[in-house]
Amino acid sequence: MQSPLNARLGISSEDLPDGRVRLALETDESLRSEGGRIHGGIAALLLDGAMGRAVERSLGAGQSCATVQLSVQYLAPAEGLLTAEGRIVRRGRTLAFLEGECRRADGTIVARAHGTWAIR
């Protein structure tokens, strides 16, 4: 099921067989900051969404999760089609640790992230 936010922004989501999740968004002028570049929050949004969906896929009936910590390192300007992949590094009963990468279509890494999700 696609989230309403992803649907509104035109973000596609793909659940990969190995548990990773890939989100993709074609950027346009409406996502630029005052400085003229694609706003860094777009990469953060994609990374948080991909990593969060990876955790959600691991939940049992009646469980939920929420981001409690997200750290993003920006490595290159974002342009064009962006894809973010998230994966679980370690999952316990109440916490999950994840990492992800956001790339441009040419393979350049735009941003990397790691984060912690609470599980209830």
PDB file of N, CA and C in Angstrom:
ATOM      1  N   MET A   1       0.836  -1.184   0.000  1.00  0.00           N
ATOM      2  CA  MET A   1       0.000   0.000   0.000  1.00  0.00           C
ATOM      3  C   MET A   1       0.878   1.244   0.000  1.00  0.00           C
ATOM      4  N   GLN A   2       0.591   2.188  -0.855  1.00  0.00           N
ATOM      5  CA  GLN A   2       1.367   3.420  -0.924  1.00  0.00           C
ATOM      6  C   GLN A   2       0.829   4.423   0.090  1.00  0.00           C
ATOM      7  N   SER A   3       1.757   5.104   0.766  1.00  0.00           N
ATOM      8  CA  SER A   3       1.334   6.108   1.741  1.00  0.00           C
ATOM      9  C   SER A   3       0.727   7.305   1.021  1.00  0.00           C
ATOM     10  N   PRO A   4      -0.187   8.015   1.684  1.00  0.00           N
ATOM     11  CA  PRO A   4      -0.756   9.218   1.072  1.00  0.00           C
ATOM     12  C   PRO A   4       0.322  10.261   0.745  1.00  0.00           C
ATOM     13  N   LEU A   5       1.337  10.387   1.594  1.00  0.00           N
ATOM     14  CA  LEU A   5       2.417  11.341   1.336  1.00  0.00           C
ATOM     15  C   LEU A   5       3.162  10.968   0.063  1.00  0.00           C
ATOM     16  N   ASN A   6       3.534   9.696  -0.072  1.00  0.00           N
ATOM     17  CA  ASN A   6       4.231   9.258  -1.278  1.00  0.00           C
ATOM     18  C   ASN A   6       3.382   9.484  -2.516  1.00  0.00           C
ATOM     19  N   ALA A   7       2.097   9.173  -2.412  1.00  0.00           N
ATOM     20  CA  ALA A   7       1.200   9.377  -3.553  1.00  0.00           C
ATOM     21  C   ALA A   7       1.147  10.851  -3.934  1.00  0.00           C
ATOM     22  N   ARG A   8       1.036  11.720  -2.966  1.00  0.00           N
ATOM     23  CA  ARG A   8       0.941  13.159  -3.246  1.00  0.00           C
ATOM     24  C   ARG A   8       2.198  13.693  -3.925  1.00  0.00           C
ATOM     25  N   LEU A   9       3.367  13.207  -3.483  1.00  0.00           N
ATOM     26  CA  LEU A   9       4.633  13.706  -4.022  1.00  0.00           C
ATOM     27  C   LEU A   9       5.096  12.954  -5.265  1.00  0.00           C
ATOM     28  N   GLY A  10       4.417  11.864  -5.618  1.00  0.00           N
ATOM     29  CA  GLY A  10       4.815  11.081  -6.785  1.00  0.00           C
ATOM     30  C   GLY A  10       5.973  10.143  -6.513  1.00  0.00           C
ATOM     31  N   ILE A  11       6.116   9.707  -5.273  1.00  0.00           N
ATOM     32  CA  ILE A  11       7.188   8.785  -4.878  1.00  0.00           C
ATOM     33  C   ILE A  11       6.710   7.356  -5.098  1.00  0.00           C
ATOM     34  N   SER A  12       7.491   6.583  -5.835  1.00  0.00           N
ATOM     35  CA  SER A  12       7.160   5.168  -6.010  1.00  0.00           C
ATOM     36  C   SER A  12       7.925   4.346  -4.982  1.00  0.00           C
ATOM     37  N   SER A  13       7.345   3.215  -4.611  1.00  0.00           N
ATOM     38  CA  SER A  13       7.926   2.353  -3.588  1.00  0.00           C
ATOM     39  C   SER A  13       8.023   0.930  -4.117  1.00  0.00           C
ATOM     40  N   GLU A  14       9.147   0.287  -3.827  1.00  0.00           N
ATOM     41  CA  GLU A  14       9.357  -1.094  -4.254  1.00  0.00           C
ATOM     42  C   GLU A  14       9.920  -1.888  -3.081  1.00  0.00           C
ATOM     43  N   ASP A  15       9.217  -2.960  -2.704  1.00  0.00           N
ATOM     44  CA  ASP A  15       9.704  -3.875  -1.673  1.00  0.00           C
ATOM     45  C   ASP A  15      10.570  -4.926  -2.363  1.00  0.00           C
ATOM     46  N   LEU A  16      11.842  -4.981  -2.011  1.00  0.00           N
ATOM     47  CA  LEU A  16      12.763  -5.917  -2.636  1.00  0.00           C
ATOM     48  C   LEU A  16      12.747  -7.244  -1.872  1.00  0.00           C
ATOM     49  N   PRO A  17      13.022  -8.357  -2.556  1.00  0.00           N
ATOM     50  CA  PRO A  17      12.902  -9.681  -1.931  1.00  0.00           C
ATOM     51  C   PRO A  17      13.805  -9.891  -0.710  1.00  0.00           C
ATOM     52  N   ASP A  18      14.913  -9.173  -0.637  1.00  0.00           N
ATOM     53  CA  ASP A  18      15.853  -9.369   0.475  1.00  0.00           C
ATOM     54  C   ASP A  18      15.518  -8.509   1.692  1.00  0.00           C
ATOM     55  N   GLY A  19      14.357  -7.848   1.691  1.00  0.00           N
ATOM     56  CA  GLY A  19      13.948  -7.028   2.828  1.00  0.00           C
ATOM     57  C   GLY A  19      14.224  -5.544   2.663  1.00  0.00           C
ATOM     58  N   ARG A  20      15.058  -5.180   1.682  1.00  0.00           N
ATOM     59  CA  ARG A  20      15.303  -3.759   1.431  1.00  0.00           C
ATOM     60  C   ARG A  20      14.076  -3.131   0.792  1.00  0.00           C
ATOM     61  N   VAL A  21      14.016  -1.806   0.895  1.00  0.00           N
ATOM     62  CA  VAL A  21      12.951  -1.044   0.253  1.00  0.00           C
ATOM     63  C   VAL A  21      13.592   0.044  -0.585  1.00  0.00           C
ATOM     64  N   ARG A  22      13.058   0.261  -1.781  1.00  0.00           N
ATOM     65  CA  ARG A  22      13.563   1.300  -2.671  1.00  0.00           C
ATOM     66  C   ARG A  22      12.431   2.297  -2.952  1.00  0.00           C
ATOM     67  N   LEU A  23      12.713   3.573  -2.705  1.00  0.00           N
ATOM     68  CA  LEU A  23      11.799   4.648  -3.067  1.00  0.00           C
ATOM     69  C   LEU A  23      12.431   5.458  -4.187  1.00  0.00           C
ATOM     70  N   ALA A  24      11.620   5.979  -5.084  1.00  0.00           N
ATOM     71  CA  ALA A  24      12.133   6.771  -6.198  1.00  0.00           C
ATOM     72  C   ALA A  24      11.266   8.002  -6.409  1.00  0.00           C
ATOM     73  N   LEU A  25      11.933   9.100  -6.789  1.00  0.00           N
ATOM     74  CA  LEU A  25      11.246  10.361  -7.058  1.00  0.00           C
ATOM     75  C   LEU A  25      11.981  11.104  -8.158  1.00  0.00           C
ATOM     76  N   GLU A  26      11.236  11.535  -9.166  1.00  0.00           N
ATOM     77  CA  GLU A  26      11.794  12.399 -10.210  1.00  0.00           C
ATOM     78  C   GLU A  26      11.660  13.835  -9.703  1.00  0.00           C
ATOM     79  N   THR A  27      12.785  14.490  -9.450  1.00  0.00           N
ATOM     80  CA  THR A  27      12.747  15.848  -8.920  1.00  0.00           C
ATOM     81  C   THR A  27      12.440  16.845 -10.031  1.00  0.00           C
ATOM     82  N   ASP A  28      11.954  18.011  -9.627  1.00  0.00           N
ATOM     83  CA  ASP A  28      11.670  19.080 -10.575  1.00  0.00           C
ATOM     84  C   ASP A  28      11.931  20.423  -9.894  1.00  0.00           C
ATOM     85  N   GLU A  29      11.654  21.483 -10.589  1.00  0.00           N
ATOM     86  CA  GLU A  29      11.934  22.836 -10.088  1.00  0.00           C
ATOM     87  C   GLU A  29      11.224  23.151  -8.778  1.00  0.00           C
ATOM     88  N   SER A  30      10.075  22.544  -8.537  1.00  0.00           N
ATOM     89  CA  SER A  30       9.310  22.840  -7.324  1.00  0.00           C
ATOM     90  C   SER A  30      10.000  22.354  -6.053  1.00  0.00           C
ATOM     91  N   LEU A  31      11.038  21.530  -6.183  1.00  0.00           N
ATOM     92  CA  LEU A  31      11.739  20.980  -5.022  1.00  0.00           C
ATOM     93  C   LEU A  31      13.066  21.686  -4.747  1.00  0.00           C
ATOM     94  N   ARG A  32      13.298  22.793  -5.427  1.00  0.00           N
ATOM     95  CA  ARG A  32      14.545  23.543  -5.244  1.00  0.00           C
ATOM     96  C   ARG A  32      14.427  24.506  -4.071  1.00  0.00           C
ATOM     97  N   SER A  33      15.564  24.713  -3.409  1.00  0.00           N
ATOM     98  CA  SER A  33      15.645  25.679  -2.306  1.00  0.00           C
ATOM     99  C   SER A  33      15.954  27.059  -2.869  1.00  0.00           C
ATOM    100  N   GLU A  34      16.060  28.044  -1.985  1.00  0.00           N
ATOM    101  CA  GLU A  34      16.394  29.408  -2.411  1.00  0.00           C
ATOM    102  C   GLU A  34      17.748  29.458  -3.101  1.00  0.00           C
ATOM    103  N   GLY A  35      18.637  28.530  -2.757  1.00  0.00           N
ATOM    104  CA  GLY A  35      19.967  28.479  -3.359  1.00  0.00           C
ATOM    105  C   GLY A  35      19.997  27.852  -4.743  1.00  0.00           C
ATOM    106  N   GLY A  36      18.861  27.338  -5.209  1.00  0.00           N
ATOM    107  CA  GLY A  36      18.797  26.796  -6.555  1.00  0.00           C
ATOM    108  C   GLY A  36      19.023  25.298  -6.676  1.00  0.00           C
ATOM    109  N   ARG A  37      19.333  24.631  -5.586  1.00  0.00           N
ATOM    110  CA  ARG A  37      19.559  23.179  -5.620  1.00  0.00           C
ATOM    111  C   ARG A  37      18.343  22.451  -5.052  1.00  0.00           C
ATOM    112  N   ILE A  38      18.236  21.155  -5.387  1.00  0.00           N
ATOM    113  CA  ILE A  38      17.179  20.343  -4.790  1.00  0.00           C
ATOM    114  C   ILE A  38      17.405  20.348  -3.280  1.00  0.00           C
ATOM    115  N   HIS A  39      16.360  20.655  -2.531  1.00  0.00           N
ATOM    116  CA  HIS A  39      16.462  20.776  -1.074  1.00  0.00           C
ATOM    117  C   HIS A  39      16.918  19.450  -0.463  1.00  0.00           C
ATOM    118  N   GLY A  40      17.839  19.518   0.481  1.00  0.00           N
ATOM    119  CA  GLY A  40      18.362  18.328   1.147  1.00  0.00           C
ATOM    120  C   GLY A  40      17.306  17.526   1.869  1.00  0.00           C
ATOM    121  N   GLY A  41      16.230  18.187   2.259  1.00  0.00           N
ATOM    122  CA  GLY A  41      15.144  17.483   2.923  1.00  0.00           C
ATOM    123  C   GLY A  41      14.490  16.433   2.043  1.00  0.00           C
ATOM    124  N   ILE A  42      14.619  16.572   0.732  1.00  0.00           N
ATOM    125  CA  ILE A  42      14.043  15.584  -0.180  1.00  0.00           C
ATOM    126  C   ILE A  42      14.779  14.257  -0.041  1.00  0.00           C
ATOM    127  N   ALA A  43      16.109  14.292  -0.004  1.00  0.00           N
ATOM    128  CA  ALA A  43      16.883  13.060   0.209  1.00  0.00           C
ATOM    129  C   ALA A  43      16.568  12.472   1.573  1.00  0.00           C
ATOM    130  N   ALA A  44      16.463  13.324   2.595  1.00  0.00           N
ATOM    131  CA  ALA A  44      16.146  12.848   3.946  1.00  0.00           C
ATOM    132  C   ALA A  44      14.771  12.190   3.980  1.00  0.00           C
ATOM    133  N   LEU A  45      13.804  12.792   3.290  1.00  0.00           N
ATOM    134  CA  LEU A  45      12.452  12.224   3.216  1.00  0.00           C
ATOM    135  C   LEU A  45      12.486  10.835   2.580  1.00  0.00           C
ATOM    136  N   LEU A  46      13.204  10.703   1.467  1.00  0.00           N
ATOM    137  CA  LEU A  46      13.292   9.411   0.792  1.00  0.00           C
ATOM    138  C   LEU A  46      13.981   8.364   1.659  1.00  0.00           C
ATOM    139  N   LEU A  47      15.055   8.765   2.322  1.00  0.00           N
ATOM    140  CA  LEU A  47      15.783   7.827   3.183  1.00  0.00           C
ATOM    141  C   LEU A  47      14.944   7.393   4.377  1.00  0.00           C
ATOM    142  N   ASP A  48      14.302   8.346   5.047  1.00  0.00           N
ATOM    143  CA  ASP A  48      13.457   8.020   6.194  1.00  0.00           C
ATOM    144  C   ASP A  48      12.321   7.098   5.753  1.00  0.00           C
ATOM    145  N   GLY A  49      11.741   7.380   4.602  1.00  0.00           N
ATOM    146  CA  GLY A  49      10.647   6.555   4.106  1.00  0.00           C
ATOM    147  C   GLY A  49      11.081   5.144   3.747  1.00  0.00           C
ATOM    148  N   ALA A  50      12.227   5.015   3.078  1.00  0.00           N
ATOM    149  CA  ALA A  50      12.714   3.689   2.680  1.00  0.00           C
ATOM    150  C   ALA A  50      13.103   2.862   3.896  1.00  0.00           C
ATOM    151  N   MET A  51      13.789   3.484   4.840  1.00  0.00           N
ATOM    152  CA  MET A  51      14.212   2.741   6.031  1.00  0.00           C
ATOM    153  C   MET A  51      13.006   2.396   6.901  1.00  0.00           C
ATOM    154  N   GLY A  52      12.083   3.332   7.047  1.00  0.00           N
ATOM    155  CA  GLY A  52      10.888   3.063   7.832  1.00  0.00           C
ATOM    156  C   GLY A  52      10.053   1.937   7.252  1.00  0.00           C
ATOM    157  N   ARG A  53       9.903   1.932   5.935  1.00  0.00           N
ATOM    158  CA  ARG A  53       9.144   0.863   5.271  1.00  0.00           C
ATOM    159  C   ARG A  53       9.842  -0.483   5.462  1.00  0.00           C
ATOM    160  N   ALA A  54      11.177  -0.496   5.474  1.00  0.00           N
ATOM    161  CA  ALA A  54      11.905  -1.747   5.710  1.00  0.00           C
ATOM    162  C   ALA A  54      11.561  -2.304   7.095  1.00  0.00           C
ATOM    163  N   VAL A  55      11.477  -1.435   8.097  1.00  0.00           N
ATOM    164  CA  VAL A  55      11.092  -1.892   9.432  1.00  0.00           C
ATOM    165  C   VAL A  55       9.650  -2.371   9.422  1.00  0.00           C
ATOM    166  N   GLU A  56       8.757  -1.590   8.804  1.00  0.00           N
ATOM    167  CA  GLU A  56       7.344  -1.954   8.774  1.00  0.00           C
ATOM    168  C   GLU A  56       7.127  -3.346   8.193  1.00  0.00           C
ATOM    169  N   ARG A  57       7.917  -3.709   7.210  1.00  0.00           N
ATOM    170  CA  ARG A  57       7.794  -5.037   6.589  1.00  0.00           C
ATOM    171  C   ARG A  57       8.126  -6.160   7.561  1.00  0.00           C
ATOM    172  N   SER A  58       8.880  -5.848   8.623  1.00  0.00           N
ATOM    173  CA  SER A  58       9.292  -6.873   9.577  1.00  0.00           C
ATOM    174  C   SER A  58       8.352  -6.992  10.778  1.00  0.00           C
ATOM    175  N   LEU A  59       7.335  -6.147  10.848  1.00  0.00           N
ATOM    176  CA  LEU A  59       6.458  -6.113  12.016  1.00  0.00           C
ATOM    177  C   LEU A  59       5.430  -7.235  11.990  1.00  0.00           C
ATOM    178  N   GLY A  60       5.057  -7.657  13.193  1.00  0.00           N
ATOM    179  CA  GLY A  60       3.979  -8.626  13.339  1.00  0.00           C
ATOM    180  C   GLY A  60       2.646  -7.911  13.439  1.00  0.00           C
ATOM    181  N   ALA A  61       1.589  -8.690  13.472  1.00  0.00           N
ATOM    182  CA  ALA A  61       0.234  -8.141  13.593  1.00  0.00           C
ATOM    183  C   ALA A  61       0.125  -7.292  14.861  1.00  0.00           C
ATOM    184  N   GLY A  62      -0.441  -6.109  14.722  1.00  0.00           N
ATOM    185  CA  GLY A  62      -0.654  -5.231  15.858  1.00  0.00           C
ATOM    186  C   GLY A  62       0.550  -4.399  16.260  1.00  0.00           C
ATOM    187  N   GLN A  63       1.699  -4.594  15.620  1.00  0.00           N
ATOM    188  CA  GLN A  63       2.895  -3.820  15.951  1.00  0.00           C
ATOM    189  C   GLN A  63       2.945  -2.554  15.107  1.00  0.00           C
ATOM    190  N   SER A  64       3.648  -1.556  15.623  1.00  0.00           N
ATOM    191  CA  SER A  64       3.892  -0.327  14.880  1.00  0.00           C
ATOM    192  C   SER A  64       5.317   0.126  15.151  1.00  0.00           C
ATOM    193  N   CYS A  65       5.772   1.105  14.379  1.00  0.00           N
ATOM    194  CA  CYS A  65       7.128   1.615  14.573  1.00  0.00           C
ATOM    195  C   CYS A  65       7.153   3.112  14.319  1.00  0.00           C
ATOM    196  N   ALA A  66       8.206   3.751  14.807  1.00  0.00           N
ATOM    197  CA  ALA A  66       8.384   5.188  14.599  1.00  0.00           C
ATOM    198  C   ALA A  66       9.872   5.517  14.621  1.00  0.00           C
ATOM    199  N   THR A  67      10.247   6.462  13.784  1.00  0.00           N
ATOM    200  CA  THR A  67      11.625   6.940  13.768  1.00  0.00           C
ATOM    201  C   THR A  67      11.913   7.667  15.077  1.00  0.00           C
ATOM    202  N   VAL A  68      13.024   7.299  15.740  1.00  0.00           N
ATOM    203  CA  VAL A  68      13.420   8.031  16.949  1.00  0.00           C
ATOM    204  C   VAL A  68      14.745   8.761  16.751  1.00  0.00           C
ATOM    205  N   GLN A  69      15.491   8.383  15.721  1.00  0.00           N
ATOM    206  CA  GLN A  69      16.759   9.053  15.428  1.00  0.00           C
ATOM    207  C   GLN A  69      17.076   8.837  13.958  1.00  0.00           C
ATOM    208  N   LEU A  70      17.479   9.914  13.278  1.00  0.00           N
ATOM    209  CA  LEU A  70      17.867   9.836  11.878  1.00  0.00           C
ATOM    210  C   LEU A  70      19.035  10.775  11.662  1.00  0.00           C
ATOM    211  N   SER A  71      20.123  10.248  11.124  1.00  0.00           N
ATOM    212  CA  SER A  71      21.298  11.051  10.817  1.00  0.00           C
ATOM    213  C   SER A  71      21.581  10.935   9.328  1.00  0.00           C
ATOM    214  N   VAL A  72      21.675  12.067   8.663  1.00  0.00           N
ATOM    215  CA  VAL A  72      21.887  12.090   7.214  1.00  0.00           C
ATOM    216  C   VAL A  72      23.182  12.821   6.909  1.00  0.00           C
ATOM    217  N   GLN A  73      24.007  12.229   6.074  1.00  0.00           N
ATOM    218  CA  GLN A  73      25.235  12.855   5.601  1.00  0.00           C
ATOM    219  C   GLN A  73      25.054  13.131   4.105  1.00  0.00           C
ATOM    220  N   TYR A  74      25.169  14.397   3.724  1.00  0.00           N
ATOM    221  CA  TYR A  74      24.991  14.802   2.333  1.00  0.00           C
ATOM    222  C   TYR A  74      26.339  14.788   1.629  1.00  0.00           C
ATOM    223  N   LEU A  75      26.395  14.109   0.481  1.00  0.00           N
ATOM    224  CA  LEU A  75      27.663  13.891  -0.209  1.00  0.00           C
ATOM    225  C   LEU A  75      27.760  14.561  -1.568  1.00  0.00           C
ATOM    226  N   ALA A  76      26.626  14.803  -2.218  1.00  0.00           N
ATOM    227  CA  ALA A  76      26.627  15.397  -3.565  1.00  0.00           C
ATOM    228  C   ALA A  76      25.274  16.046  -3.814  1.00  0.00           C
ATOM    229  N   PRO A  77      25.216  16.988  -4.752  1.00  0.00           N
ATOM    230  CA  PRO A  77      23.935  17.616  -5.072  1.00  0.00           C
ATOM    231  C   PRO A  77      22.943  16.603  -5.650  1.00  0.00           C
ATOM    232  N   ALA A  78      21.701  16.761  -5.285  1.00  0.00           N
ATOM    233  CA  ALA A  78      20.626  15.923  -5.826  1.00  0.00           C
ATOM    234  C   ALA A  78      20.127  16.551  -7.116  1.00  0.00           C
ATOM    235  N   GLU A  79      19.852  15.713  -8.112  1.00  0.00           N
ATOM    236  CA  GLU A  79      19.327  16.157  -9.404  1.00  0.00           C
ATOM    237  C   GLU A  79      18.572  15.012 -10.043  1.00  0.00           C
ATOM    238  N   GLY A  80      17.544  15.334 -10.800  1.00  0.00           N
ATOM    239  CA  GLY A  80      16.854  14.339 -11.608  1.00  0.00           C
ATOM    240  C   GLY A  80      16.192  13.251 -10.789  1.00  0.00           C
ATOM    241  N   LEU A  81      16.258  12.033 -11.297  1.00  0.00           N
ATOM    242  CA  LEU A  81      15.657  10.889 -10.621  1.00  0.00           C
ATOM    243  C   LEU A  81      16.507  10.501  -9.419  1.00  0.00           C
ATOM    244  N   LEU A  82      15.886  10.466  -8.251  1.00  0.00           N
ATOM    245  CA  LEU A  82      16.567  10.037  -7.023  1.00  0.00           C
ATOM    246  C   LEU A  82      15.959   8.722  -6.562  1.00  0.00           C
ATOM    247  N   THR A  83      16.823   7.802  -6.133  1.00  0.00           N
ATOM    248  CA  THR A  83      16.348   6.559  -5.527  1.00  0.00           C
ATOM    249  C   THR A  83      17.026   6.401  -4.181  1.00  0.00           C
ATOM    250  N   ALA A  84      16.255   5.955  -3.206  1.00  0.00           N
ATOM    251  CA  ALA A  84      16.792   5.697  -1.869  1.00  0.00           C
ATOM    252  C   ALA A  84      16.464   4.263  -1.506  1.00  0.00           C
ATOM    253  N   GLU A  85      17.462   3.570  -0.970  1.00  0.00           N
ATOM    254  CA  GLU A  85      17.249   2.213  -0.492  1.00  0.00           C
ATOM    255  C   GLU A  85      17.539   2.169   0.993  1.00  0.00           C
ATOM    256  N   GLY A  86      16.678   1.477   1.723  1.00  0.00           N
ATOM    257  CA  GLY A  86      16.863   1.308   3.157  1.00  0.00           C
ATOM    258  C   GLY A  86      16.909  -0.165   3.505  1.00  0.00           C
ATOM    259  N   ARG A  87      17.706  -0.480   4.525  1.00  0.00           N
ATOM    260  CA  ARG A  87      17.804  -1.875   4.963  1.00  0.00           C
ATOM    261  C   ARG A  87      18.013  -1.938   6.469  1.00  0.00           C
ATOM    262  N   ILE A  88      17.538  -3.020   7.038  1.00  0.00           N
ATOM    263  CA  ILE A  88      17.728  -3.266   8.467  1.00  0.00           C
ATOM    264  C   ILE A  88      19.135  -3.792   8.694  1.00  0.00           C
ATOM    265  N   VAL A  89      19.840  -3.178   9.629  1.00  0.00           N
ATOM    266  CA  VAL A  89      21.166  -3.651  10.032  1.00  0.00           C
ATOM    267  C   VAL A  89      21.012  -4.647  11.181  1.00  0.00           C
ATOM    268  N   ARG A  90      20.161  -4.279  12.137  1.00  0.00           N
ATOM    269  CA  ARG A  90      19.878  -5.145  13.277  1.00  0.00           C
ATOM    270  C   ARG A  90      18.498  -4.785  13.808  1.00  0.00           C
ATOM    271  N   ARG A  91      17.732  -5.824  14.124  1.00  0.00           N
ATOM    272  CA  ARG A  91      16.390  -5.591  14.666  1.00  0.00           C
ATOM    273  C   ARG A  91      16.232  -6.411  15.928  1.00  0.00           C
ATOM    274  N   GLY A  92      15.838  -5.726  16.980  1.00  0.00           N
ATOM    275  CA  GLY A  92      15.522  -6.395  18.224  1.00  0.00           C
ATOM    276  C   GLY A  92      14.026  -6.359  18.469  1.00  0.00           C
ATOM    277  N   ARG A  93      13.640  -6.624  19.705  1.00  0.00           N
ATOM    278  CA  ARG A  93      12.222  -6.645  20.064  1.00  0.00           C
ATOM    279  C   ARG A  93      11.617  -5.249  20.103  1.00  0.00           C
ATOM    280  N   THR A  94      12.400  -4.251  20.566  1.00  0.00           N
ATOM    281  CA  THR A  94      11.856  -2.895  20.723  1.00  0.00           C
ATOM    282  C   THR A  94      12.593  -1.830  19.916  1.00  0.00           C
ATOM    283  N   LEU A  95      13.720  -2.173  19.323  1.00  0.00           N
ATOM    284  CA  LEU A  95      14.490  -1.223  18.515  1.00  0.00           C
ATOM    285  C   LEU A  95      14.967  -1.878  17.233  1.00  0.00           C
ATOM    286  N   ALA A  96      15.058  -1.069  16.180  1.00  0.00           N
ATOM    287  CA  ALA A  96      15.652  -1.519  14.917  1.00  0.00           C
ATOM    288  C   ALA A  96      16.644  -0.458  14.465  1.00  0.00           C
ATOM    289  N   PHE A  97      17.771  -0.914  13.936  1.00  0.00           N
ATOM    290  CA  PHE A  97      18.823  -0.024  13.442  1.00  0.00           C
ATOM    291  C   PHE A  97      18.912  -0.220  11.935  1.00  0.00           C
ATOM    292  N   LEU A  98      18.888   0.908  11.223  1.00  0.00           N
ATOM    293  CA  LEU A  98      18.841   0.848   9.768  1.00  0.00           C
ATOM    294  C   LEU A  98      19.877   1.750   9.141  1.00  0.00           C
ATOM    295  N   GLU A  99      20.129   1.483   7.855  1.00  0.00           N
ATOM    296  CA  GLU A  99      20.983   2.372   7.072  1.00  0.00           C
ATOM    297  C   GLU A  99      20.424   2.459   5.667  1.00  0.00           C
ATOM    298  N   GLY A 100      20.799   3.533   4.981  1.00  0.00           N
ATOM    299  CA  GLY A 100      20.310   3.721   3.625  1.00  0.00           C
ATOM    300  C   GLY A 100      21.213   4.625   2.814  1.00  0.00           C
ATOM    301  N   GLU A 101      21.001   4.573   1.499  1.00  0.00           N
ATOM    302  CA  GLU A 101      21.710   5.446   0.569  1.00  0.00           C
ATOM    303  C   GLU A 101      20.712   6.011  -0.432  1.00  0.00           C
ATOM    304  N   CYS A 102      20.927   7.254  -0.800  1.00  0.00           N
ATOM    305  CA  CYS A 102      20.132   7.926  -1.822  1.00  0.00           C
ATOM    306  C   CYS A 102      21.070   8.247  -2.980  1.00  0.00           C
ATOM    307  N   ARG A 103      20.668   7.877  -4.195  1.00  0.00           N
ATOM    308  CA  ARG A 103      21.515   8.038  -5.378  1.00  0.00           C
ATOM    309  C   ARG A 103      20.799   8.780  -6.498  1.00  0.00           C
ATOM    310  N   ARG A 104      21.615   9.444  -7.319  1.00  0.00           N
ATOM    311  CA  ARG A 104      21.123   9.988  -8.577  1.00  0.00           C
ATOM    312  C   ARG A 104      21.079   8.859  -9.597  1.00  0.00           C
ATOM    313  N   ALA A 105      20.458   9.120 -10.744  1.00  0.00           N
ATOM    314  CA  ALA A 105      20.336   8.105 -11.791  1.00  0.00           C
ATOM    315  C   ALA A 105      21.688   7.623 -12.301  1.00  0.00           C
ATOM    316  N   ASP A 106      22.730   8.479 -12.234  1.00  0.00           N
ATOM    317  CA  ASP A 106      24.058   8.079 -12.707  1.00  0.00           C
ATOM    318  C   ASP A 106      24.824   7.258 -11.668  1.00  0.00           C
ATOM    319  N   GLY A 107      24.196   6.956 -10.531  1.00  0.00           N
ATOM    320  CA  GLY A 107      24.830   6.148  -9.492  1.00  0.00           C
ATOM    321  C   GLY A 107      25.535   6.938  -8.407  1.00  0.00           C
ATOM    322  N   THR A 108      25.676   8.239  -8.579  1.00  0.00           N
ATOM    323  CA  THR A 108      26.324   9.081  -7.577  1.00  0.00           C
ATOM    324  C   THR A 108      25.527   9.049  -6.281  1.00  0.00           C
ATOM    325  N   ILE A 109      26.212   8.799  -5.172  1.00  0.00           N
ATOM    326  CA  ILE A 109      25.552   8.816  -3.870  1.00  0.00           C
ATOM    327  C   ILE A 109      25.337  10.264  -3.455  1.00  0.00           C
ATOM    328  N   VAL A 110      24.088  10.625  -3.263  1.00  0.00           N
ATOM    329  CA  VAL A 110      23.700  11.972  -2.847  1.00  0.00           C
ATOM    330  C   VAL A 110      23.778  12.095  -1.330  1.00  0.00           C
ATOM    331  N   ALA A 111      23.305  11.059  -0.632  1.00  0.00           N
ATOM    332  CA  ALA A 111      23.282  11.093   0.829  1.00  0.00           C
ATOM    333  C   ALA A 111      23.272   9.675   1.377  1.00  0.00           C
ATOM    334  N   ARG A 112      23.812   9.550   2.581  1.00  0.00           N
ATOM    335  CA  ARG A 112      23.763   8.301   3.344  1.00  0.00           C
ATOM    336  C   ARG A 112      23.083   8.607   4.659  1.00  0.00           C
ATOM    337  N   ALA A 113      22.448   7.589   5.224  1.00  0.00           N
ATOM    338  CA  ALA A 113      21.769   7.809   6.503  1.00  0.00           C
ATOM    339  C   ALA A 113      21.847   6.557   7.358  1.00  0.00           C
ATOM    340  N   HIS A 114      21.752   6.778   8.654  1.00  0.00           N
ATOM    341  CA  HIS A 114      21.519   5.678   9.592  1.00  0.00           C
ATOM    342  C   HIS A 114      20.506   6.182  10.608  1.00  0.00           C
ATOM    343  N   GLY A 115      19.760   5.255  11.164  1.00  0.00           N
ATOM    344  CA  GLY A 115      18.726   5.666  12.083  1.00  0.00           C
ATOM    345  C   GLY A 115      18.265   4.550  12.978  1.00  0.00           C
ATOM    346  N   THR A 116      17.446   4.925  13.946  1.00  0.00           N
ATOM    347  CA  THR A 116      16.898   4.012  14.926  1.00  0.00           C
ATOM    348  C   THR A 116      15.387   4.146  14.913  1.00  0.00           C
ATOM    349  N   TRP A 117      14.705   3.012  14.946  1.00  0.00           N
ATOM    350  CA  TRP A 117      13.242   2.986  14.988  1.00  0.00           C
ATOM    351  C   TRP A 117      12.801   2.255  16.253  1.00  0.00           C
ATOM    352  N   ALA A 118      11.818   2.823  16.930  1.00  0.00           N
ATOM    353  CA  ALA A 118      11.199   2.162  18.070  1.00  0.00           C
ATOM    354  C   ALA A 118      10.100   1.243  17.545  1.00  0.00           C
ATOM    355  N   ILE A 119       9.988   0.084  18.155  1.00  0.00           N
ATOM    356  CA  ILE A 119       8.965  -0.897  17.784  1.00  0.00           C
ATOM    357  C   ILE A 119       8.062  -1.117  18.991  1.00  0.00           C
ATOM    358  N   ARG A 120       6.734  -1.060  18.744  1.00  0.00           N
ATOM    359  CA  ARG A 120       5.765  -1.307  19.821  1.00  0.00           C
ATOM    360  C   ARG A 120       4.744  -2.311  19.357  1.00  0.00           C
TER     361      ARG A 120
END
